Amino acid sequence: EKSSVLEVAREIVEYYLVRTPGAVIEEKTAGLCLNYGMARSFCVGRLYTLLRRVGGENVQLGKMRVELKASTKDHICETLDPAICVGDDRTDEDMFRVCKGISIKIGEGESHANFCIKDVDGLLDFLSALAE
């Protein structure tokens, strides 16, 4: 028997990884992610369904990725109470909802963030101005 949800999820993700040329596993501090952005084709629905059975609500779809978080960003944000929360993906929306500081979404689209910045260069400009 597997000792953790993360170990079971890793086996599932590795199964898909070897069958999906171009996909890569991204190791996270509190989870893992299969990024399939460079893959020619990928059946995200089946992987998502299997991971949800193992990881429940901690499994999310992002930009060309399926991610399992052992701790969710909103929980971490509530615990640490950072001054600034930045993200570029729908998986960041829960964090934006609970962020008491400045929340910034990078990219277009609706968001719960306080501010939206077009791209990473814009974020770097903002942070540089803030530091001055």
N, C-alpha and C. Protein backbone atom coordinates (compact mmCIF):
# COMPACT_ATOMS: atom_id res chain seq x y z
N GLU A 1 0.84 -1.19 0.00
CA GLU A 1 0.00 0.00 0.00
C GLU A 1 0.88 1.25 0.00
N LYS A 2 0.47 2.23 -0.74
CA LYS A 2 1.24 3.47 -0.83
C LYS A 2 1.09 4.28 0.45
N SER A 3 2.17 4.95 0.84
CA SER A 3 2.16 5.68 2.10
C SER A 3 1.58 7.08 1.98
N SER A 4 1.42 7.58 0.76
CA SER A 4 0.88 8.93 0.65
C SER A 4 0.16 9.14 -0.67
N VAL A 5 -0.71 10.11 -0.64
CA VAL A 5 -1.43 10.52 -1.85
C VAL A 5 -0.44 10.94 -2.92
N LEU A 6 0.61 11.64 -2.50
CA LEU A 6 1.61 12.13 -3.45
C LEU A 6 2.32 10.98 -4.17
N GLU A 7 2.61 9.91 -3.47
CA GLU A 7 3.27 8.76 -4.10
C GLU A 7 2.36 8.10 -5.14
N VAL A 8 1.09 7.93 -4.80
CA VAL A 8 0.13 7.34 -5.75
C VAL A 8 -0.02 8.26 -6.95
N ALA A 9 -0.17 9.55 -6.70
CA ALA A 9 -0.31 10.52 -7.79
C ALA A 9 0.92 10.51 -8.69
N ARG A 10 2.09 10.41 -8.10
CA ARG A 10 3.33 10.39 -8.88
C ARG A 10 3.35 9.18 -9.82
N GLU A 11 2.91 8.02 -9.35
CA GLU A 11 2.86 6.84 -10.21
C GLU A 11 1.91 7.05 -11.38
N ILE A 12 0.77 7.66 -11.12
CA ILE A 12 -0.20 7.93 -12.18
C ILE A 12 0.40 8.90 -13.20
N VAL A 13 1.01 9.97 -12.70
CA VAL A 13 1.60 10.98 -13.59
C VAL A 13 2.74 10.37 -14.40
N GLU A 14 3.57 9.55 -13.78
CA GLU A 14 4.68 8.91 -14.50
C GLU A 14 4.17 7.97 -15.59
N TYR A 15 3.05 7.30 -15.35
CA TYR A 15 2.43 6.44 -16.37
C TYR A 15 2.11 7.27 -17.61
N TYR A 16 1.50 8.43 -17.39
CA TYR A 16 1.15 9.31 -18.51
C TYR A 16 2.39 9.94 -19.14
N LEU A 17 3.38 10.24 -18.32
CA LEU A 17 4.59 10.89 -18.80
C LEU A 17 5.29 10.04 -19.86
N VAL A 18 5.47 8.75 -19.61
CA VAL A 18 6.19 7.91 -20.57
C VAL A 18 5.39 7.68 -21.85
N ARG A 19 4.11 7.94 -21.82
CA ARG A 19 3.26 7.76 -22.99
C ARG A 19 2.95 9.07 -23.71
N THR A 20 3.53 10.16 -23.22
CA THR A 20 3.25 11.48 -23.79
C THR A 20 4.56 12.20 -24.07
N PRO A 21 5.18 11.94 -25.23
CA PRO A 21 6.42 12.64 -25.57
C PRO A 21 6.23 14.16 -25.54
N GLY A 22 7.16 14.83 -24.89
CA GLY A 22 7.08 16.28 -24.78
C GLY A 22 6.55 16.75 -23.44
N ALA A 23 5.86 15.88 -22.71
CA ALA A 23 5.35 16.25 -21.39
C ALA A 23 6.48 16.14 -20.37
N VAL A 24 6.41 16.95 -19.33
CA VAL A 24 7.43 16.92 -18.28
C VAL A 24 6.76 17.02 -16.90
N ILE A 25 7.40 16.40 -15.93
CA ILE A 25 6.95 16.53 -14.54
C ILE A 25 7.68 17.72 -13.93
N GLU A 26 6.93 18.60 -13.30
CA GLU A 26 7.51 19.71 -12.56
C GLU A 26 7.39 19.37 -11.08
N GLU A 27 8.51 19.29 -10.40
CA GLU A 27 8.50 19.04 -8.96
C GLU A 27 8.14 20.33 -8.25
N LYS A 28 7.20 20.25 -7.34
CA LYS A 28 6.78 21.40 -6.55
C LYS A 28 7.16 21.16 -5.09
N THR A 29 7.30 22.22 -4.33
CA THR A 29 7.61 22.09 -2.92
C THR A 29 6.54 21.27 -2.20
N ALA A 30 5.29 21.50 -2.56
CA ALA A 30 4.19 20.81 -1.89
C ALA A 30 3.28 20.13 -2.91
N GLY A 31 3.87 19.40 -3.85
CA GLY A 31 3.05 18.69 -4.82
C GLY A 31 3.82 18.38 -6.08
N LEU A 32 3.09 18.12 -7.16
CA LEU A 32 3.71 17.86 -8.45
C LEU A 32 2.77 18.27 -9.56
N CYS A 33 3.33 18.39 -10.75
CA CYS A 33 2.57 18.90 -11.88
C CYS A 33 3.04 18.19 -13.15
N LEU A 34 2.10 17.83 -14.01
CA LEU A 34 2.46 17.33 -15.33
C LEU A 34 2.16 18.46 -16.31
N ASN A 35 3.22 18.97 -16.93
CA ASN A 35 3.09 20.04 -17.91
C ASN A 35 3.12 19.39 -19.29
N TYR A 36 2.03 19.55 -20.05
CA TYR A 36 1.93 18.92 -21.36
C TYR A 36 1.92 19.95 -22.49
N GLY A 37 2.43 21.14 -22.23
CA GLY A 37 2.44 22.22 -23.22
C GLY A 37 3.23 21.91 -24.47
N MET A 38 4.27 21.09 -24.37
CA MET A 38 5.10 20.77 -25.53
C MET A 38 4.71 19.42 -26.15
N ALA A 39 3.70 18.78 -25.63
CA ALA A 39 3.27 17.48 -26.17
C ALA A 39 2.41 17.67 -27.41
N ARG A 40 2.53 16.76 -28.36
CA ARG A 40 1.73 16.85 -29.58
C ARG A 40 0.26 16.60 -29.29
N SER A 41 -0.03 15.65 -28.45
CA SER A 41 -1.41 15.38 -28.07
C SER A 41 -1.41 14.84 -26.65
N PHE A 42 -2.53 15.03 -25.99
CA PHE A 42 -2.61 14.58 -24.61
C PHE A 42 -4.07 14.45 -24.21
N CYS A 43 -4.39 13.39 -23.49
CA CYS A 43 -5.75 13.15 -23.00
C CYS A 43 -5.83 13.62 -21.55
N VAL A 44 -6.04 14.91 -21.38
CA VAL A 44 -6.02 15.50 -20.04
C VAL A 44 -7.20 15.02 -19.19
N GLY A 45 -8.32 14.75 -19.81
CA GLY A 45 -9.51 14.38 -19.06
C GLY A 45 -9.32 13.14 -18.21
N ARG A 46 -8.73 12.12 -18.77
CA ARG A 46 -8.53 10.86 -18.04
C ARG A 46 -7.55 11.04 -16.88
N LEU A 47 -6.44 11.73 -17.12
CA LEU A 47 -5.47 11.98 -16.04
C LEU A 47 -6.12 12.78 -14.92
N TYR A 48 -6.84 13.83 -15.28
CA TYR A 48 -7.50 14.68 -14.30
C TYR A 48 -8.46 13.86 -13.44
N THR A 49 -9.26 13.01 -14.08
CA THR A 49 -10.22 12.17 -13.36
C THR A 49 -9.51 11.24 -12.38
N LEU A 50 -8.45 10.58 -12.83
CA LEU A 50 -7.70 9.67 -11.95
C LEU A 50 -7.08 10.41 -10.78
N LEU A 51 -6.47 11.55 -11.05
CA LEU A 51 -5.83 12.30 -9.96
C LEU A 51 -6.86 12.85 -8.98
N ARG A 52 -8.04 13.25 -9.46
CA ARG A 52 -9.08 13.74 -8.56
C ARG A 52 -9.54 12.64 -7.61
N ARG A 53 -9.55 11.39 -8.10
CA ARG A 53 -9.92 10.27 -7.23
C ARG A 53 -8.91 10.11 -6.09
N VAL A 54 -7.67 10.43 -6.36
CA VAL A 54 -6.60 10.29 -5.37
C VAL A 54 -6.47 11.54 -4.51
N GLY A 55 -6.43 12.72 -5.17
CA GLY A 55 -6.12 13.96 -4.47
C GLY A 55 -7.28 14.89 -4.22
N GLY A 56 -8.46 14.55 -4.72
CA GLY A 56 -9.65 15.37 -4.49
C GLY A 56 -9.51 16.79 -4.98
N GLU A 57 -9.92 17.73 -4.13
CA GLU A 57 -9.93 19.15 -4.49
C GLU A 57 -8.54 19.74 -4.68
N ASN A 58 -7.51 19.03 -4.26
CA ASN A 58 -6.15 19.54 -4.41
C ASN A 58 -5.60 19.35 -5.82
N VAL A 59 -6.39 18.76 -6.71
CA VAL A 59 -5.99 18.58 -8.11
C VAL A 59 -6.67 19.66 -8.93
N GLN A 60 -5.88 20.39 -9.71
CA GLN A 60 -6.42 21.48 -10.52
C GLN A 60 -5.84 21.46 -11.92
N LEU A 61 -6.65 21.95 -12.85
CA LEU A 61 -6.18 22.15 -14.22
C LEU A 61 -5.67 23.56 -14.35
N GLY A 62 -4.54 23.71 -15.01
CA GLY A 62 -3.98 25.03 -15.26
C GLY A 62 -3.69 25.19 -16.73
N LYS A 63 -2.82 26.13 -17.06
CA LYS A 63 -2.42 26.36 -18.45
C LYS A 63 -1.56 25.20 -18.91
N MET A 64 -2.13 24.29 -19.68
CA MET A 64 -1.42 23.14 -20.24
C MET A 64 -0.74 22.31 -19.15
N ARG A 65 -1.45 22.13 -18.02
CA ARG A 65 -0.88 21.38 -16.91
C ARG A 65 -1.98 20.83 -16.02
N VAL A 66 -1.67 19.74 -15.37
CA VAL A 66 -2.51 19.17 -14.32
C VAL A 66 -1.64 19.16 -13.07
N GLU A 67 -2.17 19.73 -12.00
CA GLU A 67 -1.34 19.95 -10.81
C GLU A 67 -2.00 19.37 -9.56
N LEU A 68 -1.20 18.71 -8.75
CA LEU A 68 -1.63 18.22 -7.44
C LEU A 68 -0.85 18.99 -6.39
N LYS A 69 -1.56 19.62 -5.49
CA LYS A 69 -0.91 20.39 -4.43
C LYS A 69 -1.19 19.72 -3.10
N ALA A 70 -0.14 19.36 -2.39
CA ALA A 70 -0.31 18.79 -1.07
C ALA A 70 -0.89 19.84 -0.13
N SER A 71 -0.49 21.07 -0.32
CA SER A 71 -1.09 22.22 0.38
C SER A 71 -1.54 23.18 -0.70
N THR A 72 -2.71 23.72 -0.54
CA THR A 72 -3.20 24.64 -1.55
C THR A 72 -2.65 26.04 -1.31
N LYS A 73 -2.57 26.82 -2.39
CA LYS A 73 -2.00 28.17 -2.29
C LYS A 73 -2.83 29.05 -1.37
N ASP A 74 -4.15 28.86 -1.35
CA ASP A 74 -4.97 29.69 -0.48
C ASP A 74 -4.67 29.38 1.00
N HIS A 75 -4.44 28.11 1.32
CA HIS A 75 -4.10 27.74 2.70
C HIS A 75 -2.75 28.35 3.09
N ILE A 76 -1.79 28.25 2.20
CA ILE A 76 -0.46 28.82 2.46
C ILE A 76 -0.56 30.33 2.62
N CYS A 77 -1.35 30.96 1.77
CA CYS A 77 -1.52 32.42 1.82
C CYS A 77 -2.16 32.84 3.15
N GLU A 78 -3.14 32.09 3.60
CA GLU A 78 -3.78 32.40 4.89
C GLU A 78 -2.80 32.22 6.04
N THR A 79 -1.95 31.22 5.95
CA THR A 79 -0.99 30.92 7.01
C THR A 79 0.13 31.95 7.07
N LEU A 80 0.71 32.28 5.91
CA LEU A 80 1.87 33.18 5.87
C LEU A 80 1.49 34.65 5.79
N ASP A 81 0.31 34.95 5.27
CA ASP A 81 -0.17 36.32 5.11
C ASP A 81 0.85 37.21 4.38
N PRO A 82 1.20 36.87 3.13
CA PRO A 82 2.19 37.66 2.39
C PRO A 82 1.66 39.03 2.00
N ALA A 83 2.57 39.98 1.81
CA ALA A 83 2.19 41.33 1.40
C ALA A 83 1.76 41.36 -0.06
N ILE A 84 2.35 40.50 -0.89
CA ILE A 84 2.03 40.46 -2.32
C ILE A 84 1.84 39.01 -2.75
N CYS A 85 0.78 38.77 -3.50
CA CYS A 85 0.52 37.45 -4.10
C CYS A 85 0.48 37.63 -5.61
N VAL A 86 1.26 36.85 -6.34
CA VAL A 86 1.34 36.97 -7.79
C VAL A 86 1.08 35.61 -8.42
N GLY A 87 0.30 35.59 -9.50
CA GLY A 87 0.06 34.34 -10.22
C GLY A 87 -0.38 34.60 -11.64
N ASP A 88 -0.31 33.56 -12.47
CA ASP A 88 -0.66 33.72 -13.88
C ASP A 88 -1.62 32.64 -14.37
N ASP A 89 -2.31 32.00 -13.46
CA ASP A 89 -3.05 30.80 -13.84
C ASP A 89 -4.34 30.72 -13.04
N ARG A 90 -5.29 29.96 -13.53
CA ARG A 90 -6.54 29.82 -12.78
C ARG A 90 -6.32 29.09 -11.46
N THR A 91 -5.24 28.34 -11.35
CA THR A 91 -4.94 27.68 -10.08
C THR A 91 -4.55 28.68 -8.99
N ASP A 92 -4.33 29.93 -9.35
CA ASP A 92 -3.97 30.97 -8.40
C ASP A 92 -5.18 31.72 -7.85
N GLU A 93 -6.36 31.49 -8.42
CA GLU A 93 -7.54 32.27 -8.04
C GLU A 93 -7.94 32.09 -6.58
N ASP A 94 -7.82 30.89 -6.02
CA ASP A 94 -8.14 30.71 -4.60
C ASP A 94 -7.22 31.55 -3.73
N MET A 95 -5.96 31.62 -4.11
CA MET A 95 -4.99 32.44 -3.38
C MET A 95 -5.40 33.91 -3.45
N PHE A 96 -5.80 34.38 -4.64
CA PHE A 96 -6.20 35.77 -4.78
C PHE A 96 -7.40 36.09 -3.89
N ARG A 97 -8.32 35.15 -3.75
CA ARG A 97 -9.52 35.38 -2.94
C ARG A 97 -9.19 35.64 -1.47
N VAL A 98 -8.17 34.99 -0.95
CA VAL A 98 -7.86 35.12 0.48
C VAL A 98 -6.71 36.08 0.76
N CYS A 99 -6.02 36.54 -0.26
CA CYS A 99 -4.88 37.43 -0.08
C CYS A 99 -5.32 38.75 0.55
N LYS A 100 -4.73 39.10 1.68
CA LYS A 100 -5.06 40.36 2.35
C LYS A 100 -4.18 41.50 1.87
N GLY A 101 -3.10 41.16 1.19
CA GLY A 101 -2.20 42.17 0.65
C GLY A 101 -2.57 42.51 -0.78
N ILE A 102 -1.58 42.84 -1.56
CA ILE A 102 -1.76 43.15 -2.98
C ILE A 102 -1.76 41.84 -3.76
N SER A 103 -2.78 41.64 -4.58
CA SER A 103 -2.82 40.44 -5.42
C SER A 103 -2.74 40.87 -6.89
N ILE A 104 -1.88 40.19 -7.64
CA ILE A 104 -1.61 40.57 -9.02
C ILE A 104 -1.71 39.35 -9.93
N LYS A 105 -2.55 39.46 -10.94
CA LYS A 105 -2.60 38.42 -11.96
C LYS A 105 -1.75 38.87 -13.14
N ILE A 106 -0.90 37.98 -13.63
CA ILE A 106 -0.13 38.26 -14.83
C ILE A 106 -0.90 37.67 -16.00
N GLY A 107 -1.24 38.51 -16.96
CA GLY A 107 -1.97 38.04 -18.14
C GLY A 107 -3.39 38.57 -18.16
N GLU A 108 -4.10 38.19 -19.21
CA GLU A 108 -5.46 38.68 -19.43
C GLU A 108 -6.48 37.72 -18.84
N GLY A 109 -7.71 38.20 -18.78
CA GLY A 109 -8.82 37.37 -18.30
C GLY A 109 -9.31 37.82 -16.94
N GLU A 110 -10.53 37.41 -16.63
CA GLU A 110 -11.12 37.77 -15.34
C GLU A 110 -10.34 37.13 -14.20
N SER A 111 -10.33 37.84 -13.08
CA SER A 111 -9.57 37.34 -11.94
C SER A 111 -10.09 37.96 -10.65
N HIS A 112 -9.82 37.29 -9.56
CA HIS A 112 -10.12 37.82 -8.23
C HIS A 112 -8.96 38.68 -7.71
N ALA A 113 -7.90 38.79 -8.48
CA ALA A 113 -6.76 39.62 -8.08
C ALA A 113 -7.15 41.09 -8.08
N ASN A 114 -6.46 41.87 -7.22
CA ASN A 114 -6.70 43.31 -7.18
C ASN A 114 -6.25 44.00 -8.46
N PHE A 115 -5.17 43.49 -9.04
CA PHE A 115 -4.58 44.12 -10.23
C PHE A 115 -4.23 43.06 -11.26
N CYS A 116 -4.22 43.48 -12.51
CA CYS A 116 -3.75 42.62 -13.60
C CYS A 116 -2.61 43.35 -14.31
N ILE A 117 -1.56 42.63 -14.59
CA ILE A 117 -0.41 43.16 -15.31
C ILE A 117 -0.21 42.29 -16.53
N LYS A 118 0.09 42.93 -17.65
CA LYS A 118 0.13 42.24 -18.94
C LYS A 118 1.08 41.05 -18.99
N ASP A 119 2.30 41.22 -18.48
CA ASP A 119 3.30 40.16 -18.62
C ASP A 119 4.34 40.26 -17.51
N VAL A 120 5.30 39.35 -17.52
CA VAL A 120 6.33 39.31 -16.48
C VAL A 120 7.18 40.58 -16.50
N ASP A 121 7.47 41.12 -17.68
CA ASP A 121 8.23 42.37 -17.75
C ASP A 121 7.50 43.49 -17.02
N GLY A 122 6.19 43.55 -17.19
CA GLY A 122 5.39 44.54 -16.48
C GLY A 122 5.45 44.35 -14.98
N LEU A 123 5.44 43.10 -14.54
CA LEU A 123 5.56 42.82 -13.11
C LEU A 123 6.91 43.27 -12.58
N LEU A 124 7.97 42.99 -13.33
CA LEU A 124 9.31 43.41 -12.91
C LEU A 124 9.40 44.93 -12.82
N ASP A 125 8.80 45.64 -13.77
CA ASP A 125 8.76 47.10 -13.71
C ASP A 125 8.03 47.57 -12.46
N PHE A 126 6.89 46.95 -12.17
CA PHE A 126 6.10 47.30 -10.99
C PHE A 126 6.90 47.08 -9.71
N LEU A 127 7.53 45.92 -9.59
CA LEU A 127 8.30 45.62 -8.39
C LEU A 127 9.50 46.54 -8.24
N SER A 128 10.14 46.90 -9.35
CA SER A 128 11.27 47.84 -9.30
C SER A 128 10.80 49.20 -8.80
N ALA A 129 9.66 49.66 -9.32
CA ALA A 129 9.12 50.95 -8.88
C ALA A 129 8.73 50.90 -7.41
N LEU A 130 8.19 49.79 -6.98
CA LEU A 130 7.79 49.62 -5.59
C LEU A 130 9.00 49.65 -4.65
N ALA A 131 10.11 49.09 -5.11
CA ALA A 131 11.32 49.03 -4.30
C ALA A 131 12.00 50.39 -4.15
N GLU A 132 11.73 51.31 -5.07
CA GLU A 132 12.41 52.62 -5.03
C GLU A 132 11.88 53.53 -3.99
